Amino acid sequence: MVLFWRFLGVSCVAIGSVGVVVPLLPTTPFLLLAAWAFAKGSERWRDWLLNHPRLGPSIRAWQTARAIPYRAKVVAILSLVFSLALALWLSLPPLALALQVTALVAVSAFILTRPTAY
């Protein structure tokens, strides 16, 4: 079972790393999942992830205070606005736009109501 947790953790780190450079692919949720999987499969790899200079602060902020870093909030909200602007520019059908707006408002509310980590 330990190998499964390690595999899941490594897979999530890989997907999260791709999300750093691919727009709209989330990074942090995959890294949070990786930290959880590593806690079950490899304490050493979990420690590496939590102490990573670029990835660790966001994970630790979420685990300790359920907080989202300010910069991550700004990037997330701007990405959501950009995706809506793109949908409007592409003239998506009204039902698709309504569903997208509903989802974007819900995600924005979640992000903006979490504590901010600086």
PDB file of N, CA and C in Angstrom:
ATOM      1  N   MET A   1       0.816  -1.197   0.000  1.00  0.00           N
ATOM      2  CA  MET A   1       0.000   0.000   0.000  1.00  0.00           C
ATOM      3  C   MET A   1       0.861   1.264   0.000  1.00  0.00           C
ATOM      4  N   VAL A   2       2.039   1.169   0.613  1.00  0.00           N
ATOM      5  CA  VAL A   2       2.941   2.319   0.654  1.00  0.00           C
ATOM      6  C   VAL A   2       3.316   2.752  -0.757  1.00  0.00           C
ATOM      7  N   LEU A   3       3.533   1.784  -1.636  1.00  0.00           N
ATOM      8  CA  LEU A   3       3.885   2.122  -3.018  1.00  0.00           C
ATOM      9  C   LEU A   3       2.760   2.867  -3.719  1.00  0.00           C
ATOM     10  N   PHE A   4       1.530   2.495  -3.427  1.00  0.00           N
ATOM     11  CA  PHE A   4       0.385   3.202  -4.008  1.00  0.00           C
ATOM     12  C   PHE A   4       0.393   4.668  -3.596  1.00  0.00           C
ATOM     13  N   TRP A   5       0.585   4.939  -2.294  1.00  0.00           N
ATOM     14  CA  TRP A   5       0.573   6.323  -1.804  1.00  0.00           C
ATOM     15  C   TRP A   5       1.721   7.124  -2.401  1.00  0.00           C
ATOM     16  N   ARG A   6       2.892   6.489  -2.524  1.00  0.00           N
ATOM     17  CA  ARG A   6       4.028   7.182  -3.145  1.00  0.00           C
ATOM     18  C   ARG A   6       3.746   7.490  -4.610  1.00  0.00           C
ATOM     19  N   PHE A   7       3.180   6.501  -5.322  1.00  0.00           N
ATOM     20  CA  PHE A   7       2.842   6.709  -6.728  1.00  0.00           C
ATOM     21  C   PHE A   7       1.835   7.845  -6.872  1.00  0.00           C
ATOM     22  N   LEU A   8       0.804   7.845  -6.032  1.00  0.00           N
ATOM     23  CA  LEU A   8      -0.194   8.912  -6.078  1.00  0.00           C
ATOM     24  C   LEU A   8       0.452  10.264  -5.801  1.00  0.00           C
ATOM     25  N   GLY A   9       1.322  10.324  -4.796  1.00  0.00           N
ATOM     26  CA  GLY A   9       1.991  11.576  -4.464  1.00  0.00           C
ATOM     27  C   GLY A   9       2.865  12.087  -5.596  1.00  0.00           C
ATOM     28  N   VAL A  10       3.657  11.200  -6.188  1.00  0.00           N
ATOM     29  CA  VAL A  10       4.532  11.604  -7.297  1.00  0.00           C
ATOM     30  C   VAL A  10       3.693  12.037  -8.496  1.00  0.00           C
ATOM     31  N   SER A  11       2.617  11.311  -8.776  1.00  0.00           N
ATOM     32  CA  SER A  11       1.740  11.674  -9.897  1.00  0.00           C
ATOM     33  C   SER A  11       1.140  13.058  -9.688  1.00  0.00           C
ATOM     34  N   CYS A  12       0.696  13.331  -8.469  1.00  0.00           N
ATOM     35  CA  CYS A  12       0.090  14.639  -8.182  1.00  0.00           C
ATOM     36  C   CYS A  12       1.113  15.764  -8.267  1.00  0.00           C
ATOM     37  N   VAL A  13       2.342  15.512  -7.823  1.00  0.00           N
ATOM     38  CA  VAL A  13       3.398  16.528  -7.962  1.00  0.00           C
ATOM     39  C   VAL A  13       3.666  16.785  -9.437  1.00  0.00           C
ATOM     40  N   ALA A  14       3.680  15.733 -10.250  1.00  0.00           N
ATOM     41  CA  ALA A  14       3.921  15.898 -11.685  1.00  0.00           C
ATOM     42  C   ALA A  14       2.807  16.718 -12.332  1.00  0.00           C
ATOM     43  N   ILE A  15       1.555  16.384 -12.027  1.00  0.00           N
ATOM     44  CA  ILE A  15       0.435  17.138 -12.601  1.00  0.00           C
ATOM     45  C   ILE A  15       0.456  18.585 -12.107  1.00  0.00           C
ATOM     46  N   GLY A  16       0.709  18.765 -10.823  1.00  0.00           N
ATOM     47  CA  GLY A  16       0.791  20.116 -10.271  1.00  0.00           C
ATOM     48  C   GLY A  16       1.912  20.923 -10.890  1.00  0.00           C
ATOM     49  N   SER A  17       3.030  20.271 -11.187  1.00  0.00           N
ATOM     50  CA  SER A  17       4.156  20.966 -11.824  1.00  0.00           C
ATOM     51  C   SER A  17       3.797  21.417 -13.230  1.00  0.00           C
ATOM     52  N   VAL A  18       3.046  20.599 -13.942  1.00  0.00           N
ATOM     53  CA  VAL A  18       2.579  20.996 -15.271  1.00  0.00           C
ATOM     54  C   VAL A  18       1.654  22.203 -15.138  1.00  0.00           C
ATOM     55  N   GLY A  19       0.852  22.223 -14.071  1.00  0.00           N
ATOM     56  CA  GLY A  19      -0.066  23.328 -13.841  1.00  0.00           C
ATOM     57  C   GLY A  19       0.622  24.665 -13.612  1.00  0.00           C
ATOM     58  N   VAL A  20       1.890  24.633 -13.253  1.00  0.00           N
ATOM     59  CA  VAL A  20       2.638  25.880 -13.068  1.00  0.00           C
ATOM     60  C   VAL A  20       2.773  26.623 -14.393  1.00  0.00           C
ATOM     61  N   VAL A  21       2.885  25.882 -15.486  1.00  0.00           N
ATOM     62  CA  VAL A  21       3.112  26.528 -16.783  1.00  0.00           C
ATOM     63  C   VAL A  21       1.910  26.469 -17.718  1.00  0.00           C
ATOM     64  N   VAL A  22       0.933  25.602 -17.436  1.00  0.00           N
ATOM     65  CA  VAL A  22      -0.244  25.475 -18.296  1.00  0.00           C
ATOM     66  C   VAL A  22      -1.399  26.256 -17.669  1.00  0.00           C
ATOM     67  N   PRO A  23      -1.885  27.277 -18.363  1.00  0.00           N
ATOM     68  CA  PRO A  23      -2.984  28.075 -17.814  1.00  0.00           C
ATOM     69  C   PRO A  23      -4.225  27.223 -17.541  1.00  0.00           C
ATOM     70  N   LEU A  24      -4.934  27.555 -16.491  1.00  0.00           N
ATOM     71  CA  LEU A  24      -6.190  26.935 -16.088  1.00  0.00           C
ATOM     72  C   LEU A  24      -6.049  25.511 -15.547  1.00  0.00           C
ATOM     73  N   LEU A  25      -4.837  24.960 -15.481  1.00  0.00           N
ATOM     74  CA  LEU A  25      -4.630  23.669 -14.819  1.00  0.00           C
ATOM     75  C   LEU A  25      -4.187  23.991 -13.394  1.00  0.00           C
ATOM     76  N   PRO A  26      -4.999  23.631 -12.414  1.00  0.00           N
ATOM     77  CA  PRO A  26      -4.665  24.020 -11.040  1.00  0.00           C
ATOM     78  C   PRO A  26      -3.413  23.318 -10.529  1.00  0.00           C
ATOM     79  N   THR A  27      -2.643  24.029  -9.762  1.00  0.00           N
ATOM     80  CA  THR A  27      -1.421  23.478  -9.187  1.00  0.00           C
ATOM     81  C   THR A  27      -1.636  23.077  -7.738  1.00  0.00           C
ATOM     82  N   THR A  28      -2.134  24.007  -6.945  1.00  0.00           N
ATOM     83  CA  THR A  28      -2.221  23.788  -5.503  1.00  0.00           C
ATOM     84  C   THR A  28      -3.065  22.589  -5.099  1.00  0.00           C
ATOM     85  N   PRO A  29      -4.239  22.347  -5.672  1.00  0.00           N
ATOM     86  CA  PRO A  29      -4.994  21.164  -5.240  1.00  0.00           C
ATOM     87  C   PRO A  29      -4.222  19.862  -5.430  1.00  0.00           C
ATOM     88  N   PHE A  30      -3.471  19.771  -6.514  1.00  0.00           N
ATOM     89  CA  PHE A  30      -2.682  18.561  -6.737  1.00  0.00           C
ATOM     90  C   PHE A  30      -1.541  18.457  -5.736  1.00  0.00           C
ATOM     91  N   LEU A  31      -0.950  19.582  -5.369  1.00  0.00           N
ATOM     92  CA  LEU A  31       0.125  19.553  -4.379  1.00  0.00           C
ATOM     93  C   LEU A  31      -0.414  19.224  -2.988  1.00  0.00           C
ATOM     94  N   LEU A  32      -1.614  19.710  -2.673  1.00  0.00           N
ATOM     95  CA  LEU A  32      -2.238  19.342  -1.400  1.00  0.00           C
ATOM     96  C   LEU A  32      -2.521  17.843  -1.348  1.00  0.00           C
ATOM     97  N   LEU A  33      -3.009  17.307  -2.447  1.00  0.00           N
ATOM     98  CA  LEU A  33      -3.260  15.868  -2.524  1.00  0.00           C
ATOM     99  C   LEU A  33      -1.957  15.091  -2.422  1.00  0.00           C
ATOM    100  N   ALA A  34      -0.899  15.594  -3.043  1.00  0.00           N
ATOM    101  CA  ALA A  34       0.410  14.942  -2.957  1.00  0.00           C
ATOM    102  C   ALA A  34       0.916  14.919  -1.513  1.00  0.00           C
ATOM    103  N   ALA A  35       0.775  16.036  -0.813  1.00  0.00           N
ATOM    104  CA  ALA A  35       1.221  16.084   0.593  1.00  0.00           C
ATOM    105  C   ALA A  35       0.451  15.081   1.435  1.00  0.00           C
ATOM    106  N   TRP A  36      -0.839  14.961   1.188  1.00  0.00           N
ATOM    107  CA  TRP A  36      -1.672  13.997   1.914  1.00  0.00           C
ATOM    108  C   TRP A  36      -1.221  12.570   1.602  1.00  0.00           C
ATOM    109  N   ALA A  37      -0.987  12.276   0.318  1.00  0.00           N
ATOM    110  CA  ALA A  37      -0.560  10.931  -0.076  1.00  0.00           C
ATOM    111  C   ALA A  37       0.821  10.611   0.485  1.00  0.00           C
ATOM    112  N   PHE A  38       1.727  11.578   0.434  1.00  0.00           N
ATOM    113  CA  PHE A  38       3.065  11.345   0.974  1.00  0.00           C
ATOM    114  C   PHE A  38       3.026  11.123   2.482  1.00  0.00           C
ATOM    115  N   ALA A  39       2.081  11.746   3.173  1.00  0.00           N
ATOM    116  CA  ALA A  39       1.951  11.522   4.623  1.00  0.00           C
ATOM    117  C   ALA A  39       1.657  10.057   4.914  1.00  0.00           C
ATOM    118  N   LYS A  40       1.017   9.375   3.973  1.00  0.00           N
ATOM    119  CA  LYS A  40       0.703   7.962   4.139  1.00  0.00           C
ATOM    120  C   LYS A  40       1.777   7.050   3.562  1.00  0.00           C
ATOM    121  N   GLY A  41       2.605   7.580   2.642  1.00  0.00           N
ATOM    122  CA  GLY A  41       3.546   6.720   1.943  1.00  0.00           C
ATOM    123  C   GLY A  41       5.013   7.024   2.155  1.00  0.00           C
ATOM    124  N   SER A  42       5.358   8.271   2.455  1.00  0.00           N
ATOM    125  CA  SER A  42       6.765   8.625   2.623  1.00  0.00           C
ATOM    126  C   SER A  42       6.887   9.958   3.358  1.00  0.00           C
ATOM    127  N   GLU A  43       7.215   9.875   4.613  1.00  0.00           N
ATOM    128  CA  GLU A  43       7.383  11.084   5.423  1.00  0.00           C
ATOM    129  C   GLU A  43       8.522  11.947   4.871  1.00  0.00           C
ATOM    130  N   ARG A  44       9.544  11.316   4.331  1.00  0.00           N
ATOM    131  CA  ARG A  44      10.681  12.054   3.775  1.00  0.00           C
ATOM    132  C   ARG A  44      10.242  12.892   2.567  1.00  0.00           C
ATOM    133  N   TRP A  45       9.434  12.303   1.673  1.00  0.00           N
ATOM    134  CA  TRP A  45       8.962  13.037   0.499  1.00  0.00           C
ATOM    135  C   TRP A  45       7.971  14.123   0.901  1.00  0.00           C
ATOM    136  N   ARG A  46       7.172  13.856   1.925  1.00  0.00           N
ATOM    137  CA  ARG A  46       6.247  14.878   2.432  1.00  0.00           C
ATOM    138  C   ARG A  46       7.034  16.068   2.976  1.00  0.00           C
ATOM    139  N   ASP A  47       8.079  15.770   3.749  1.00  0.00           N
ATOM    140  CA  ASP A  47       8.919  16.847   4.293  1.00  0.00           C
ATOM    141  C   ASP A  47       9.572  17.649   3.165  1.00  0.00           C
ATOM    142  N   TRP A  48      10.021  16.949   2.109  1.00  0.00           N
ATOM    143  CA  TRP A  48      10.615  17.644   0.969  1.00  0.00           C
ATOM    144  C   TRP A  48       9.606  18.610   0.359  1.00  0.00           C
ATOM    145  N   LEU A  49       8.376  18.131   0.179  1.00  0.00           N
ATOM    146  CA  LEU A  49       7.346  18.962  -0.437  1.00  0.00           C
ATOM    147  C   LEU A  49       6.995  20.153   0.452  1.00  0.00           C
ATOM    148  N   LEU A  50       6.817  19.914   1.734  1.00  0.00           N
ATOM    149  CA  LEU A  50       6.449  20.999   2.650  1.00  0.00           C
ATOM    150  C   LEU A  50       7.561  22.022   2.828  1.00  0.00           C
ATOM    151  N   ASN A  51       8.806  21.602   2.650  1.00  0.00           N
ATOM    152  CA  ASN A  51       9.936  22.514   2.820  1.00  0.00           C
ATOM    153  C   ASN A  51      10.476  23.051   1.504  1.00  0.00           C
ATOM    154  N   HIS A  52       9.823  22.718   0.399  1.00  0.00           N
ATOM    155  CA  HIS A  52      10.244  23.223  -0.908  1.00  0.00           C
ATOM    156  C   HIS A  52      10.075  24.745  -0.905  1.00  0.00           C
ATOM    157  N   PRO A  53      11.091  25.478  -1.382  1.00  0.00           N
ATOM    158  CA  PRO A  53      11.015  26.949  -1.305  1.00  0.00           C
ATOM    159  C   PRO A  53       9.864  27.571  -2.108  1.00  0.00           C
ATOM    160  N   ARG A  54       9.467  26.973  -3.215  1.00  0.00           N
ATOM    161  CA  ARG A  54       8.398  27.549  -4.046  1.00  0.00           C
ATOM    162  C   ARG A  54       7.031  26.928  -3.761  1.00  0.00           C
ATOM    163  N   LEU A  55       6.998  25.625  -3.502  1.00  0.00           N
ATOM    164  CA  LEU A  55       5.735  24.916  -3.356  1.00  0.00           C
ATOM    165  C   LEU A  55       5.258  24.833  -1.913  1.00  0.00           C
ATOM    166  N   GLY A  56       6.181  24.759  -1.001  1.00  0.00           N
ATOM    167  CA  GLY A  56       5.858  24.528   0.401  1.00  0.00           C
ATOM    168  C   GLY A  56       5.010  25.587   1.088  1.00  0.00           C
ATOM    169  N   PRO A  57       5.283  26.880   0.888  1.00  0.00           N
ATOM    170  CA  PRO A  57       4.521  27.894   1.618  1.00  0.00           C
ATOM    171  C   PRO A  57       3.006  27.819   1.414  1.00  0.00           C
ATOM    172  N   SER A  58       2.560  27.588   0.186  1.00  0.00           N
ATOM    173  CA  SER A  58       1.116  27.502  -0.073  1.00  0.00           C
ATOM    174  C   SER A  58       0.506  26.292   0.635  1.00  0.00           C
ATOM    175  N   ILE A  59       1.209  25.185   0.597  1.00  0.00           N
ATOM    176  CA  ILE A  59       0.707  23.962   1.236  1.00  0.00           C
ATOM    177  C   ILE A  59       0.635  24.152   2.746  1.00  0.00           C
ATOM    178  N   ARG A  60       1.696  24.704   3.323  1.00  0.00           N
ATOM    179  CA  ARG A  60       1.702  24.921   4.779  1.00  0.00           C
ATOM    180  C   ARG A  60       0.625  25.916   5.198  1.00  0.00           C
ATOM    181  N   ALA A  61       0.410  26.963   4.404  1.00  0.00           N
ATOM    182  CA  ALA A  61      -0.627  27.957   4.726  1.00  0.00           C
ATOM    183  C   ALA A  61      -1.999  27.299   4.754  1.00  0.00           C
ATOM    184  N   TRP A  62      -2.259  26.422   3.791  1.00  0.00           N
ATOM    185  CA  TRP A  62      -3.549  25.750   3.747  1.00  0.00           C
ATOM    186  C   TRP A  62      -3.685  24.775   4.918  1.00  0.00           C
ATOM    187  N   GLN A  63      -2.641  24.005   5.184  1.00  0.00           N
ATOM    188  CA  GLN A  63      -2.722  23.000   6.233  1.00  0.00           C
ATOM    189  C   GLN A  63      -2.837  23.608   7.629  1.00  0.00           C
ATOM    190  N   THR A  64      -2.224  24.750   7.847  1.00  0.00           N
ATOM    191  CA  THR A  64      -2.245  25.334   9.187  1.00  0.00           C
ATOM    192  C   THR A  64      -3.428  26.266   9.421  1.00  0.00           C
ATOM    193  N   ALA A  65      -3.823  27.025   8.396  1.00  0.00           N
ATOM    194  CA  ALA A  65      -4.858  28.043   8.614  1.00  0.00           C
ATOM    195  C   ALA A  65      -5.957  28.029   7.556  1.00  0.00           C
ATOM    196  N   ARG A  66      -5.926  27.060   6.648  1.00  0.00           N
ATOM    197  CA  ARG A  66      -6.879  27.038   5.530  1.00  0.00           C
ATOM    198  C   ARG A  66      -6.848  28.367   4.783  1.00  0.00           C
ATOM    199  N   ALA A  67      -5.616  28.905   4.651  1.00  0.00           N
ATOM    200  CA  ALA A  67      -5.413  30.213   4.032  1.00  0.00           C
ATOM    201  C   ALA A  67      -4.857  30.050   2.616  1.00  0.00           C
ATOM    202  N   ILE A  68      -5.165  31.014   1.773  1.00  0.00           N
ATOM    203  CA  ILE A  68      -4.667  31.049   0.403  1.00  0.00           C
ATOM    204  C   ILE A  68      -3.769  32.276   0.277  1.00  0.00           C
ATOM    205  N   PRO A  69      -2.554  32.109  -0.241  1.00  0.00           N
ATOM    206  CA  PRO A  69      -1.661  33.265  -0.397  1.00  0.00           C
ATOM    207  C   PRO A  69      -2.288  34.356  -1.266  1.00  0.00           C
ATOM    208  N   TYR A  70      -1.985  35.592  -0.950  1.00  0.00           N
ATOM    209  CA  TYR A  70      -2.553  36.743  -1.651  1.00  0.00           C
ATOM    210  C   TYR A  70      -2.315  36.653  -3.150  1.00  0.00           C
ATOM    211  N   ARG A  71      -1.082  36.374  -3.539  1.00  0.00           N
ATOM    212  CA  ARG A  71      -0.746  36.295  -4.968  1.00  0.00           C
ATOM    213  C   ARG A  71      -1.567  35.209  -5.658  1.00  0.00           C
ATOM    214  N   ALA A  72      -1.762  34.083  -5.004  1.00  0.00           N
ATOM    215  CA  ALA A  72      -2.557  32.993  -5.590  1.00  0.00           C
ATOM    216  C   ALA A  72      -4.012  33.426  -5.770  1.00  0.00           C
ATOM    217  N   LYS A  73      -4.530  34.180  -4.809  1.00  0.00           N
ATOM    218  CA  LYS A  73      -5.896  34.680  -4.941  1.00  0.00           C
ATOM    219  C   LYS A  73      -6.025  35.601  -6.151  1.00  0.00           C
ATOM    220  N   VAL A  74      -5.083  36.508  -6.301  1.00  0.00           N
ATOM    221  CA  VAL A  74      -5.122  37.462  -7.416  1.00  0.00           C
ATOM    222  C   VAL A  74      -5.045  36.723  -8.748  1.00  0.00           C
ATOM    223  N   VAL A  75      -4.102  35.795  -8.861  1.00  0.00           N
ATOM    224  CA  VAL A  75      -3.952  35.037 -10.110  1.00  0.00           C
ATOM    225  C   VAL A  75      -5.213  34.223 -10.394  1.00  0.00           C
ATOM    226  N   ALA A  76      -5.783  33.608  -9.367  1.00  0.00           N
ATOM    227  CA  ALA A  76      -6.989  32.794  -9.562  1.00  0.00           C
ATOM    228  C   ALA A  76      -8.156  33.644 -10.043  1.00  0.00           C
ATOM    229  N   ILE A  77      -8.391  34.769  -9.406  1.00  0.00           N
ATOM    230  CA  ILE A  77      -9.519  35.625  -9.788  1.00  0.00           C
ATOM    231  C   ILE A  77      -9.311  36.196 -11.193  1.00  0.00           C
ATOM    232  N   LEU A  78      -8.082  36.610 -11.506  1.00  0.00           N
ATOM    233  CA  LEU A  78      -7.813  37.110 -12.861  1.00  0.00           C
ATOM    234  C   LEU A  78      -8.015  36.014 -13.907  1.00  0.00           C
ATOM    235  N   SER A  79      -7.644  34.787 -13.579  1.00  0.00           N
ATOM    236  CA  SER A  79      -7.854  33.666 -14.505  1.00  0.00           C
ATOM    237  C   SER A  79      -9.342  33.412 -14.732  1.00  0.00           C
ATOM    238  N   LEU A  80     -10.115  33.513 -13.664  1.00  0.00           N
ATOM    239  CA  LEU A  80     -11.556  33.317 -13.793  1.00  0.00           C
ATOM    240  C   LEU A  80     -12.180  34.408 -14.662  1.00  0.00           C
ATOM    241  N   VAL A  81     -11.765  35.646 -14.447  1.00  0.00           N
ATOM    242  CA  VAL A  81     -12.274  36.762 -15.252  1.00  0.00           C
ATOM    243  C   VAL A  81     -11.868  36.584 -16.718  1.00  0.00           C
ATOM    244  N   PHE A  82     -10.627  36.164 -16.947  1.00  0.00           N
ATOM    245  CA  PHE A  82     -10.158  35.940 -18.308  1.00  0.00           C
ATOM    246  C   PHE A  82     -10.972  34.846 -18.995  1.00  0.00           C
ATOM    247  N   SER A  83     -11.260  33.757 -18.270  1.00  0.00           N
ATOM    248  CA  SER A  83     -12.017  32.662 -18.882  1.00  0.00           C
ATOM    249  C   SER A  83     -13.438  33.107 -19.236  1.00  0.00           C
ATOM    250  N   LEU A  84     -14.038  33.954 -18.400  1.00  0.00           N
ATOM    251  CA  LEU A  84     -15.369  34.476 -18.719  1.00  0.00           C
ATOM    252  C   LEU A  84     -15.306  35.416 -19.922  1.00  0.00           C
ATOM    253  N   ALA A  85     -14.289  36.271 -19.957  1.00  0.00           N
ATOM    254  CA  ALA A  85     -14.127  37.181 -21.096  1.00  0.00           C
ATOM    255  C   ALA A  85     -13.939  36.387 -22.390  1.00  0.00           C
ATOM    256  N   LEU A  86     -13.178  35.315 -22.327  1.00  0.00           N
ATOM    257  CA  LEU A  86     -12.970  34.472 -23.500  1.00  0.00           C
ATOM    258  C   LEU A  86     -14.286  33.828 -23.945  1.00  0.00           C
ATOM    259  N   ALA A  87     -15.077  33.362 -22.995  1.00  0.00           N
ATOM    260  CA  ALA A  87     -16.377  32.760 -23.328  1.00  0.00           C
ATOM    261  C   ALA A  87     -17.300  33.783 -23.981  1.00  0.00           C
ATOM    262  N   LEU A  88     -17.283  35.006 -23.465  1.00  0.00           N
ATOM    263  CA  LEU A  88     -18.103  36.068 -24.061  1.00  0.00           C
ATOM    264  C   LEU A  88     -17.612  36.398 -25.468  1.00  0.00           C
ATOM    265  N   TRP A  89     -16.304  36.476 -25.634  1.00  0.00           N
ATOM    266  CA  TRP A  89     -15.723  36.788 -26.932  1.00  0.00           C
ATOM    267  C   TRP A  89     -16.050  35.706 -27.965  1.00  0.00           C
ATOM    268  N   LEU A  90     -16.088  34.445 -27.499  1.00  0.00           N
ATOM    269  CA  LEU A  90     -16.417  33.334 -28.398  1.00  0.00           C
ATOM    270  C   LEU A  90     -17.916  33.198 -28.639  1.00  0.00           C
ATOM    271  N   SER A  91     -18.696  34.042 -27.986  1.00  0.00           N
ATOM    272  CA  SER A  91     -20.156  34.029 -28.120  1.00  0.00           C
ATOM    273  C   SER A  91     -20.752  32.653 -27.835  1.00  0.00           C
ATOM    274  N   LEU A  92     -20.395  32.117 -26.677  1.00  0.00           N
ATOM    275  CA  LEU A  92     -20.954  30.821 -26.282  1.00  0.00           C
ATOM    276  C   LEU A  92     -22.461  30.947 -26.082  1.00  0.00           C
ATOM    277  N   PRO A  93     -23.182  29.845 -26.214  1.00  0.00           N
ATOM    278  CA  PRO A  93     -24.631  29.885 -26.019  1.00  0.00           C
ATOM    279  C   PRO A  93     -24.994  30.396 -24.618  1.00  0.00           C
ATOM    280  N   PRO A  94     -26.149  31.037 -24.485  1.00  0.00           N
ATOM    281  CA  PRO A  94     -26.555  31.603 -23.185  1.00  0.00           C
ATOM    282  C   PRO A  94     -26.559  30.585 -22.043  1.00  0.00           C
ATOM    283  N   LEU A  95     -26.992  29.364 -22.301  1.00  0.00           N
ATOM    284  CA  LEU A  95     -27.003  28.357 -21.238  1.00  0.00           C
ATOM    285  C   LEU A  95     -25.584  28.050 -20.766  1.00  0.00           C
ATOM    286  N   ALA A  96     -24.656  27.930 -21.696  1.00  0.00           N
ATOM    287  CA  ALA A  96     -23.259  27.673 -21.342  1.00  0.00           C
ATOM    288  C   ALA A  96     -22.692  28.828 -20.525  1.00  0.00           C
ATOM    289  N   LEU A  97     -23.008  30.054 -20.943  1.00  0.00           N
ATOM    290  CA  LEU A  97     -22.540  31.229 -20.196  1.00  0.00           C
ATOM    291  C   LEU A  97     -23.139  31.266 -18.790  1.00  0.00           C
ATOM    292  N   ALA A  98     -24.417  30.952 -18.683  1.00  0.00           N
ATOM    293  CA  ALA A  98     -25.069  30.952 -17.368  1.00  0.00           C
ATOM    294  C   ALA A  98     -24.439  29.912 -16.447  1.00  0.00           C
ATOM    295  N   LEU A  99     -24.169  28.733 -16.967  1.00  0.00           N
ATOM    296  CA  LEU A  99     -23.522  27.697 -16.160  1.00  0.00           C
ATOM    297  C   LEU A  99     -22.112  28.112 -15.758  1.00  0.00           C
ATOM    298  N   GLN A 100     -21.391  28.719 -16.694  1.00  0.00           N
ATOM    299  CA  GLN A 100     -20.030  29.165 -16.397  1.00  0.00           C
ATOM    300  C   GLN A 100     -20.038  30.266 -15.341  1.00  0.00           C
ATOM    301  N   VAL A 101     -20.925  31.234 -15.492  1.00  0.00           N
ATOM    302  CA  VAL A 101     -21.001  32.320 -14.506  1.00  0.00           C
ATOM    303  C   VAL A 101     -21.330  31.758 -13.124  1.00  0.00           C
ATOM    304  N   THR A 102     -22.260  30.815 -13.064  1.00  0.00           N
ATOM    305  CA  THR A 102     -22.619  30.205 -11.780  1.00  0.00           C
ATOM    306  C   THR A 102     -21.403  29.541 -11.135  1.00  0.00           C
ATOM    307  N   ALA A 103     -20.678  28.769 -11.930  1.00  0.00           N
ATOM    308  CA  ALA A 103     -19.492  28.088 -11.404  1.00  0.00           C
ATOM    309  C   ALA A 103     -18.414  29.096 -10.995  1.00  0.00           C
ATOM    310  N   LEU A 104     -18.192  30.109 -11.817  1.00  0.00           N
ATOM    311  CA  LEU A 104     -17.152  31.097 -11.511  1.00  0.00           C
ATOM    312  C   LEU A 104     -17.486  31.912 -10.266  1.00  0.00           C
ATOM    313  N   VAL A 105     -18.739  32.241 -10.078  1.00  0.00           N
ATOM    314  CA  VAL A 105     -19.141  32.979  -8.874  1.00  0.00           C
ATOM    315  C   VAL A 105     -18.922  32.113  -7.642  1.00  0.00           C
ATOM    316  N   ALA A 106     -19.278  30.831  -7.729  1.00  0.00           N
ATOM    317  CA  ALA A 106     -19.091  29.931  -6.587  1.00  0.00           C
ATOM    318  C   ALA A 106     -17.609  29.770  -6.250  1.00  0.00           C
ATOM    319  N   VAL A 107     -16.785  29.579  -7.262  1.00  0.00           N
ATOM    320  CA  VAL A 107     -15.341  29.424  -7.034  1.00  0.00           C
ATOM    321  C   VAL A 107     -14.753  30.726  -6.489  1.00  0.00           C
ATOM    322  N   SER A 108     -15.159  31.849  -7.053  1.00  0.00           N
ATOM    323  CA  SER A 108     -14.666  33.147  -6.568  1.00  0.00           C
ATOM    324  C   SER A 108     -15.058  33.377  -5.112  1.00  0.00           C
ATOM    325  N   ALA A 109     -16.284  33.043  -4.771  1.00  0.00           N
ATOM    326  CA  ALA A 109     -16.732  33.210  -3.382  1.00  0.00           C
ATOM    327  C   ALA A 109     -15.906  32.357  -2.448  1.00  0.00           C
ATOM    328  N   PHE A 110     -15.626  31.118  -2.855  1.00  0.00           N
ATOM    329  CA  PHE A 110     -14.801  30.247  -2.016  1.00  0.00           C
ATOM    330  C   PHE A 110     -13.415  30.854  -1.815  1.00  0.00           C
ATOM    331  N   ILE A 111     -12.788  31.281  -2.910  1.00  0.00           N
ATOM    332  CA  ILE A 111     -11.429  31.831  -2.826  1.00  0.00           C
ATOM    333  C   ILE A 111     -11.399  33.087  -1.961  1.00  0.00           C
ATOM    334  N   LEU A 112     -12.347  33.986  -2.187  1.00  0.00           N
ATOM    335  CA  LEU A 112     -12.320  35.272  -1.481  1.00  0.00           C
ATOM    336  C   LEU A 112     -12.723  35.177  -0.020  1.00  0.00           C
ATOM    337  N   THR A 113     -13.393  34.101   0.366  1.00  0.00           N
ATOM    338  CA  THR A 113     -13.795  33.965   1.781  1.00  0.00           C
ATOM    339  C   THR A 113     -12.784  33.180   2.613  1.00  0.00           C
ATOM    340  N   ARG A 114     -11.731  32.670   1.981  1.00  0.00           N
ATOM    341  CA  ARG A 114     -10.666  31.998   2.745  1.00  0.00           C
ATOM    342  C   ARG A 114      -9.737  33.070   3.311  1.00  0.00           C
ATOM    343  N   PRO A 115      -9.126  32.790   4.452  1.00  0.00           N
ATOM    344  CA  PRO A 115      -8.140  33.728   4.988  1.00  0.00           C
ATOM    345  C   PRO A 115      -6.995  33.918   3.991  1.00  0.00           C
ATOM    346  N   THR A 116      -6.359  35.088   4.062  1.00  0.00           N
ATOM    347  CA  THR A 116      -5.251  35.395   3.163  1.00  0.00           C
ATOM    348  C   THR A 116      -3.934  35.186   3.888  1.00  0.00           C
ATOM    349  N   ALA A 117      -3.043  34.436   3.256  1.00  0.00           N
ATOM    350  CA  ALA A 117      -1.692  34.242   3.774  1.00  0.00           C
ATOM    351  C   ALA A 117      -0.760  35.194   3.041  1.00  0.00           C
ATOM    352  N   TYR A 118       0.074  35.899   3.779  1.00  0.00           N
ATOM    353  CA  TYR A 118       1.004  36.850   3.137  1.00  0.00           C
ATOM    354  C   TYR A 118       2.399  36.334   3.142  1.00  0.00           C
TER     355      TYR A 118
END
